[in-house]
Amino acid sequence: LPNVHLMDCIEDPIQEITEKGVRLASGEVELD
């Protein structure tokens, strides 16, 4: 599906949960 995205957390680990979403090593993913 075009709206579904796989985030590889071995390659790009989660650093923290932020007020707006999830911060990976590569940057923040804003979420509702």
ModelCIF file with pLDDT and N, C-alpha, C, O atoms, coordinates in Angstrom:
data_MODEL
#
_entry.id   MODEL 
#
_entity.id                         1 
_entity.type                       polymer 
_entity.pdbx_number_of_molecules   1 
#
_entity_poly.entity_id                      1 
_entity_poly.type                           'polypeptide(L)' 
_entity_poly.nstd_linkage                   no 
_entity_poly.nstd_monomer                   no 
_entity_poly.pdbx_seq_one_letter_code       LPNVHLMDCIEDPIQEITEKGVRLASGEVELD 
_entity_poly.pdbx_seq_one_letter_code_can   LPNVHLMDCIEDPIQEITEKGVRLASGEVELD 
_entity_poly.pdbx_strand_id                 A 
#
loop_
_entity_poly_seq.entity_id 
_entity_poly_seq.num 
_entity_poly_seq.mon_id 
_entity_poly_seq.hetero 
1 1  LEU n 
1 2  PRO n 
1 3  ASN n 
1 4  VAL n 
1 5  HIS n 
1 6  LEU n 
1 7  MET n 
1 8  ASP n 
1 9  CYS n 
1 10 ILE n 
1 11 GLU n 
1 12 ASP n 
1 13 PRO n 
1 14 ILE n 
1 15 GLN n 
1 16 GLU n 
1 17 ILE n 
1 18 THR n 
1 19 GLU n 
1 20 LYS n 
1 21 GLY n 
1 22 VAL n 
1 23 ARG n 
1 24 LEU n 
1 25 ALA n 
1 26 SER n 
1 27 GLY n 
1 28 GLU n 
1 29 VAL n 
1 30 GLU n 
1 31 LEU n 
1 32 ASP n 
#
_struct_asym.id          A 
_struct_asym.entity_id   1 
#
loop_
_ma_qa_metric.id 
_ma_qa_metric.mode 
_ma_qa_metric.name 
_ma_qa_metric.software_group_id 
_ma_qa_metric.type 
1 global pLDDT . pLDDT 
2 local  pLDDT . pLDDT 
#
_ma_qa_metric_global.metric_id      1 
_ma_qa_metric_global.metric_value   97.62 
_ma_qa_metric_global.model_id       1 
_ma_qa_metric_global.ordinal_id     1 
#
loop_
_ma_qa_metric_local.label_asym_id 
_ma_qa_metric_local.label_comp_id 
_ma_qa_metric_local.label_seq_id 
_ma_qa_metric_local.metric_id 
_ma_qa_metric_local.metric_value 
_ma_qa_metric_local.model_id 
_ma_qa_metric_local.ordinal_id 
A LEU 1  2 98.00 1 1  
A PRO 2  2 98.00 1 2  
A ASN 3  2 98.00 1 3  
A VAL 4  2 98.00 1 4  
A HIS 5  2 98.00 1 5  
A LEU 6  2 98.00 1 6  
A MET 7  2 98.00 1 7  
A ASP 8  2 98.00 1 8  
A CYS 9  2 97.00 1 9  
A ILE 10 2 95.00 1 10 
A GLU 11 2 96.00 1 11 
A ASP 12 2 97.00 1 12 
A PRO 13 2 97.00 1 13 
A ILE 14 2 97.00 1 14 
A GLN 15 2 97.00 1 15 
A GLU 16 2 97.00 1 16 
A ILE 17 2 98.00 1 17 
A THR 18 2 98.00 1 18 
A GLU 19 2 98.00 1 19 
A LYS 20 2 98.00 1 20 
A GLY 21 2 98.00 1 21 
A VAL 22 2 98.00 1 22 
A ARG 23 2 98.00 1 23 
A LEU 24 2 98.00 1 24 
A ALA 25 2 98.00 1 25 
A SER 26 2 98.00 1 26 
A GLY 27 2 97.00 1 27 
A GLU 28 2 98.00 1 28 
A VAL 29 2 98.00 1 29 
A GLU 30 2 98.00 1 30 
A LEU 31 2 98.00 1 31 
A ASP 32 2 98.00 1 32 
#
loop_
_atom_site.group_PDB 
_atom_site.id 
_atom_site.type_symbol 
_atom_site.label_atom_id 
_atom_site.label_alt_id 
_atom_site.label_comp_id 
_atom_site.label_asym_id 
_atom_site.label_entity_id 
_atom_site.label_seq_id 
_atom_site.pdbx_PDB_ins_code 
_atom_site.Cartn_x 
_atom_site.Cartn_y 
_atom_site.Cartn_z 
_atom_site.occupancy 
_atom_site.B_iso_or_equiv 
_atom_site.pdbx_formal_charge 
_atom_site.auth_seq_id 
_atom_site.auth_comp_id 
_atom_site.auth_asym_id 
_atom_site.auth_atom_id 
_atom_site.pdbx_PDB_model_num 
ATOM 1   N N  . LEU A 1 1  ? 0.839  -1.191 0.000  1.00 98.00 ? 1  LEU A N  1 
ATOM 2   C CA . LEU A 1 1  ? 0.000  0.000  0.000  1.00 98.00 ? 1  LEU A CA 1 
ATOM 3   C C  . LEU A 1 1  ? 0.879  1.247  0.000  1.00 98.00 ? 1  LEU A C  1 
ATOM 4   O O  . LEU A 1 1  ? 1.892  1.275  0.698  1.00 98.00 ? 1  LEU A O  1 
ATOM 5   N N  . PRO A 1 2  ? 0.518  2.282  -0.767 1.00 98.00 ? 2  PRO A N  1 
ATOM 6   C CA . PRO A 1 2  ? 1.377  3.471  -0.868 1.00 98.00 ? 2  PRO A CA 1 
ATOM 7   C C  . PRO A 1 2  ? 1.480  4.269  0.431  1.00 98.00 ? 2  PRO A C  1 
ATOM 8   O O  . PRO A 1 2  ? 2.405  5.064  0.596  1.00 98.00 ? 2  PRO A O  1 
ATOM 9   N N  . ASN A 1 3  ? 0.534  4.064  1.357  1.00 98.00 ? 3  ASN A N  1 
ATOM 10  C CA . ASN A 1 3  ? 0.532  4.832  2.606  1.00 98.00 ? 3  ASN A CA 1 
ATOM 11  C C  . ASN A 1 3  ? 1.235  4.116  3.764  1.00 98.00 ? 3  ASN A C  1 
ATOM 12  O O  . ASN A 1 3  ? 1.242  4.619  4.888  1.00 98.00 ? 3  ASN A O  1 
ATOM 13  N N  . VAL A 1 4  ? 1.819  2.956  3.498  1.00 98.00 ? 4  VAL A N  1 
ATOM 14  C CA . VAL A 1 4  ? 2.454  2.157  4.554  1.00 98.00 ? 4  VAL A CA 1 
ATOM 15  C C  . VAL A 1 4  ? 3.965  2.191  4.366  1.00 98.00 ? 4  VAL A C  1 
ATOM 16  O O  . VAL A 1 4  ? 4.472  1.934  3.274  1.00 98.00 ? 4  VAL A O  1 
ATOM 17  N N  . HIS A 1 5  ? 4.679  2.512  5.446  1.00 98.00 ? 5  HIS A N  1 
ATOM 18  C CA . HIS A 1 5  ? 6.126  2.699  5.382  1.00 98.00 ? 5  HIS A CA 1 
ATOM 19  C C  . HIS A 1 5  ? 6.811  1.829  6.441  1.00 98.00 ? 5  HIS A C  1 
ATOM 20  O O  . HIS A 1 5  ? 6.452  1.888  7.617  1.00 98.00 ? 5  HIS A O  1 
ATOM 21  N N  . LEU A 1 6  ? 7.777  1.038  6.035  1.00 98.00 ? 6  LEU A N  1 
ATOM 22  C CA . LEU A 1 6  ? 8.554  0.217  6.959  1.00 98.00 ? 6  LEU A CA 1 
ATOM 23  C C  . LEU A 1 6  ? 9.778  1.000  7.404  1.00 98.00 ? 6  LEU A C  1 
ATOM 24  O O  . LEU A 1 6  ? 10.570 1.456  6.579  1.00 98.00 ? 6  LEU A O  1 
ATOM 25  N N  . MET A 1 7  ? 9.928  1.154  8.729  1.00 98.00 ? 7  MET A N  1 
ATOM 26  C CA . MET A 1 7  ? 11.057 1.868  9.295  1.00 98.00 ? 7  MET A CA 1 
ATOM 27  C C  . MET A 1 7  ? 11.995 0.839  9.925  1.00 98.00 ? 7  MET A C  1 
ATOM 28  O O  . MET A 1 7  ? 11.650 0.195  10.915 1.00 98.00 ? 7  MET A O  1 
ATOM 29  N N  . ASP A 1 8  ? 13.175 0.695  9.342  1.00 98.00 ? 8  ASP A N  1 
ATOM 30  C CA . ASP A 1 8  ? 14.146 -0.301 9.786  1.00 98.00 ? 8  ASP A CA 1 
ATOM 31  C C  . ASP A 1 8  ? 14.921 0.253  10.981 1.00 98.00 ? 8  ASP A C  1 
ATOM 32  O O  . ASP A 1 8  ? 15.805 1.095  10.824 1.00 98.00 ? 8  ASP A O  1 
ATOM 33  N N  . CYS A 1 9  ? 14.578 -0.233 12.179 1.00 97.00 ? 9  CYS A N  1 
ATOM 34  C CA . CYS A 1 9  ? 15.178 0.317  13.398 1.00 97.00 ? 9  CYS A CA 1 
ATOM 35  C C  . CYS A 1 9  ? 16.504 -0.338 13.769 1.00 97.00 ? 9  CYS A C  1 
ATOM 36  O O  . CYS A 1 9  ? 17.091 0.001  14.796 1.00 97.00 ? 9  CYS A O  1 
ATOM 37  N N  . ILE A 1 10 ? 16.977 -1.259 12.959 1.00 95.00 ? 10 ILE A N  1 
ATOM 38  C CA . ILE A 1 10 ? 18.358 -1.726 13.084 1.00 95.00 ? 10 ILE A CA 1 
ATOM 39  C C  . ILE A 1 10 ? 19.261 -0.764 12.313 1.00 95.00 ? 10 ILE A C  1 
ATOM 40  O O  . ILE A 1 10 ? 20.310 -0.342 12.799 1.00 95.00 ? 10 ILE A O  1 
ATOM 41  N N  . GLU A 1 11 ? 18.834 -0.438 11.131 1.00 96.00 ? 11 GLU A N  1 
ATOM 42  C CA . GLU A 1 11 ? 19.596 0.484  10.291 1.00 96.00 ? 11 GLU A CA 1 
ATOM 43  C C  . GLU A 1 11 ? 19.474 1.926  10.782 1.00 96.00 ? 11 GLU A C  1 
ATOM 44  O O  . GLU A 1 11 ? 20.429 2.700  10.708 1.00 96.00 ? 11 GLU A O  1 
ATOM 45  N N  . ASP A 1 12 ? 18.293 2.276  11.283 1.00 97.00 ? 12 ASP A N  1 
ATOM 46  C CA . ASP A 1 12 ? 17.995 3.651  11.707 1.00 97.00 ? 12 ASP A CA 1 
ATOM 47  C C  . ASP A 1 12 ? 17.283 3.587  13.060 1.00 97.00 ? 12 ASP A C  1 
ATOM 48  O O  . ASP A 1 12 ? 16.055 3.665  13.111 1.00 97.00 ? 12 ASP A O  1 
ATOM 49  N N  . PRO A 1 13 ? 18.031 3.448  14.151 1.00 97.00 ? 13 PRO A N  1 
ATOM 50  C CA . PRO A 1 13 ? 17.429 3.155  15.459 1.00 97.00 ? 13 PRO A CA 1 
ATOM 51  C C  . PRO A 1 13 ? 16.565 4.293  16.017 1.00 97.00 ? 13 PRO A C  1 
ATOM 52  O O  . PRO A 1 13 ? 16.780 5.472  15.733 1.00 97.00 ? 13 PRO A O  1 
ATOM 53  N N  . ILE A 1 14 ? 15.582 3.887  16.821 1.00 97.00 ? 14 ILE A N  1 
ATOM 54  C CA . ILE A 1 14 ? 14.791 4.869  17.575 1.00 97.00 ? 14 ILE A CA 1 
ATOM 55  C C  . ILE A 1 14 ? 15.680 5.496  18.646 1.00 97.00 ? 14 ILE A C  1 
ATOM 56  O O  . ILE A 1 14 ? 16.332 4.789  19.415 1.00 97.00 ? 14 ILE A O  1 
ATOM 57  N N  . GLN A 1 15 ? 15.698 6.813  18.688 1.00 97.00 ? 15 GLN A N  1 
ATOM 58  C CA . GLN A 1 15 ? 16.451 7.536  19.702 1.00 97.00 ? 15 GLN A CA 1 
ATOM 59  C C  . GLN A 1 15 ? 15.573 7.889  20.901 1.00 97.00 ? 15 GLN A C  1 
ATOM 60  O O  . GLN A 1 15 ? 15.988 7.777  22.054 1.00 97.00 ? 15 GLN A O  1 
ATOM 61  N N  . GLU A 1 16 ? 14.353 8.315  20.597 1.00 97.00 ? 16 GLU A N  1 
ATOM 62  C CA . GLU A 1 16 ? 13.440 8.702  21.680 1.00 97.00 ? 16 GLU A CA 1 
ATOM 63  C C  . GLU A 1 16 ? 12.052 8.960  21.113 1.00 97.00 ? 16 GLU A C  1 
ATOM 64  O O  . GLU A 1 16 ? 11.860 9.133  19.909 1.00 97.00 ? 16 GLU A O  1 
ATOM 65  N N  . ILE A 1 17 ? 11.090 8.977  22.036 1.00 98.00 ? 17 ILE A N  1 
ATOM 66  C CA . ILE A 1 17 ? 9.746  9.441  21.725 1.00 98.00 ? 17 ILE A CA 1 
ATOM 67  C C  . ILE A 1 17 ? 9.707  10.931 22.043 1.00 98.00 ? 17 ILE A C  1 
ATOM 68  O O  . ILE A 1 17 ? 10.152 11.350 23.112 1.00 98.00 ? 17 ILE A O  1 
ATOM 69  N N  . THR A 1 18 ? 9.184  11.725 21.132 1.00 98.00 ? 18 THR A N  1 
ATOM 70  C CA . THR A 1 18 ? 9.103  13.160 21.332 1.00 98.00 ? 18 THR A CA 1 
ATOM 71  C C  . THR A 1 18 ? 7.643  13.570 21.532 1.00 98.00 ? 18 THR A C  1 
ATOM 72  O O  . THR A 1 18 ? 6.746  12.728 21.494 1.00 98.00 ? 18 THR A O  1 
ATOM 73  N N  . GLU A 1 19 ? 7.415  14.839 21.741 1.00 98.00 ? 19 GLU A N  1 
ATOM 74  C CA . GLU A 1 19 ? 6.050  15.334 21.875 1.00 98.00 ? 19 GLU A CA 1 
ATOM 75  C C  . GLU A 1 19 ? 5.260  15.126 20.587 1.00 98.00 ? 19 GLU A C  1 
ATOM 76  O O  . GLU A 1 19 ? 4.039  14.971 20.614 1.00 98.00 ? 19 GLU A O  1 
ATOM 77  N N  . LYS A 1 20 ? 5.971  15.126 19.461 1.00 98.00 ? 20 LYS A N  1 
ATOM 78  C CA . LYS A 1 20 ? 5.300  15.062 18.167 1.00 98.00 ? 20 LYS A CA 1 
ATOM 79  C C  . LYS A 1 20 ? 5.347  13.699 17.496 1.00 98.00 ? 20 LYS A C  1 
ATOM 80  O O  . LYS A 1 20 ? 4.622  13.466 16.529 1.00 98.00 ? 20 LYS A O  1 
ATOM 81  N N  . GLY A 1 21 ? 6.200  12.779 17.997 1.00 98.00 ? 21 GLY A N  1 
ATOM 82  C CA . GLY A 1 21 ? 6.300  11.485 17.333 1.00 98.00 ? 21 GLY A CA 1 
ATOM 83  C C  . GLY A 1 21 ? 7.493  10.682 17.783 1.00 98.00 ? 21 GLY A C  1 
ATOM 84  O O  . GLY A 1 21 ? 7.766  10.573 18.978 1.00 98.00 ? 21 GLY A O  1 
ATOM 85  N N  . VAL A 1 22 ? 8.217  10.108 16.807 1.00 98.00 ? 22 VAL A N  1 
ATOM 86  C CA . VAL A 1 22 ? 9.358  9.232  17.085 1.00 98.00 ? 22 VAL A CA 1 
ATOM 87  C C  . VAL A 1 22 ? 10.591 9.820  16.414 1.00 98.00 ? 22 VAL A C  1 
ATOM 88  O O  . VAL A 1 22 ? 10.592 10.095 15.214 1.00 98.00 ? 22 VAL A O  1 
ATOM 89  N N  . ARG A 1 23 ? 11.641 10.008 17.210 1.00 98.00 ? 23 ARG A N  1 
ATOM 90  C CA . ARG A 1 23 ? 12.893 10.490 16.646 1.00 98.00 ? 23 ARG A CA 1 
ATOM 91  C C  . ARG A 1 23 ? 13.811 9.300  16.366 1.00 98.00 ? 23 ARG A C  1 
ATOM 92  O O  . ARG A 1 23 ? 14.191 8.566  17.278 1.00 98.00 ? 23 ARG A O  1 
ATOM 93  N N  . LEU A 1 24 ? 14.158 9.124  15.097 1.00 98.00 ? 24 LEU A N  1 
ATOM 94  C CA . LEU A 1 24 ? 15.130 8.126  14.675 1.00 98.00 ? 24 LEU A CA 1 
ATOM 95  C C  . LEU A 1 24 ? 16.497 8.785  14.571 1.00 98.00 ? 24 LEU A C  1 
ATOM 96  O O  . LEU A 1 24 ? 16.615 10.003 14.700 1.00 98.00 ? 24 LEU A O  1 
ATOM 97  N N  . ALA A 1 25 ? 17.519 7.989  14.339 1.00 98.00 ? 25 ALA A N  1 
ATOM 98  C CA . ALA A 1 25 ? 18.857 8.552  14.147 1.00 98.00 ? 25 ALA A CA 1 
ATOM 99  C C  . ALA A 1 25 ? 18.867 9.517  12.967 1.00 98.00 ? 25 ALA A C  1 
ATOM 100 O O  . ALA A 1 25 ? 19.631 10.482 12.958 1.00 98.00 ? 25 ALA A O  1 
ATOM 101 N N  . SER A 1 26 ? 18.020 9.258  11.969 1.00 98.00 ? 26 SER A N  1 
ATOM 102 C CA . SER A 1 26 ? 17.987 10.080 10.753 1.00 98.00 ? 26 SER A CA 1 
ATOM 103 C C  . SER A 1 26 ? 17.076 11.293 10.868 1.00 98.00 ? 26 SER A C  1 
ATOM 104 O O  . SER A 1 26 ? 17.101 12.166 10.001 1.00 98.00 ? 26 SER A O  1 
ATOM 105 N N  . GLY A 1 27 ? 16.268 11.360 11.932 1.00 97.00 ? 27 GLY A N  1 
ATOM 106 C CA . GLY A 1 27 ? 15.365 12.490 12.082 1.00 97.00 ? 27 GLY A CA 1 
ATOM 107 C C  . GLY A 1 27 ? 14.046 12.099 12.704 1.00 97.00 ? 27 GLY A C  1 
ATOM 108 O O  . GLY A 1 27 ? 13.837 10.938 13.055 1.00 97.00 ? 27 GLY A O  1 
ATOM 109 N N  . GLU A 1 28 ? 13.156 13.063 12.842 1.00 98.00 ? 28 GLU A N  1 
ATOM 110 C CA . GLU A 1 28 ? 11.888 12.859 13.537 1.00 98.00 ? 28 GLU A CA 1 
ATOM 111 C C  . GLU A 1 28 ? 10.769 12.478 12.567 1.00 98.00 ? 28 GLU A C  1 
ATOM 112 O O  . GLU A 1 28 ? 10.645 13.050 11.484 1.00 98.00 ? 28 GLU A O  1 
ATOM 113 N N  . VAL A 1 29 ? 9.961  11.504 12.978 1.00 98.00 ? 29 VAL A N  1 
ATOM 114 C CA . VAL A 1 29 ? 8.754  11.123 12.248 1.00 98.00 ? 29 VAL A CA 1 
ATOM 115 C C  . VAL A 1 29 ? 7.564  11.632 13.054 1.00 98.00 ? 29 VAL A C  1 
ATOM 116 O O  . VAL A 1 29 ? 7.278  11.121 14.137 1.00 98.00 ? 29 VAL A O  1 
ATOM 117 N N  . GLU A 1 30 ? 6.873  12.637 12.528 1.00 98.00 ? 30 GLU A N  1 
ATOM 118 C CA . GLU A 1 30 ? 5.737  13.207 13.238 1.00 98.00 ? 30 GLU A CA 1 
ATOM 119 C C  . GLU A 1 30 ? 4.514  12.292 13.086 1.00 98.00 ? 30 GLU A C  1 
ATOM 120 O O  . GLU A 1 30 ? 4.217  11.788 12.003 1.00 98.00 ? 30 GLU A O  1 
ATOM 121 N N  . LEU A 1 31 ? 3.817  12.098 14.214 1.00 98.00 ? 31 LEU A N  1 
ATOM 122 C CA . LEU A 1 31 ? 2.696  11.164 14.247 1.00 98.00 ? 31 LEU A CA 1 
ATOM 123 C C  . LEU A 1 31 ? 1.522  11.744 15.014 1.00 98.00 ? 31 LEU A C  1 
ATOM 124 O O  . LEU A 1 31 ? 1.688  12.578 15.904 1.00 98.00 ? 31 LEU A O  1 
ATOM 125 N N  . ASP A 1 32 ? 0.332  11.283 14.651 1.00 98.00 ? 32 ASP A N  1 
ATOM 126 C CA . ASP A 1 32 ? -0.872 11.616 15.413 1.00 98.00 ? 32 ASP A CA 1 
ATOM 127 C C  . ASP A 1 32 ? -1.164 10.553 16.473 1.00 98.00 ? 32 ASP A C  1 
ATOM 128 O O  . ASP A 1 32 ? -2.142 10.669 17.210 1.00 98.00 ? 32 ASP A O  1 
#
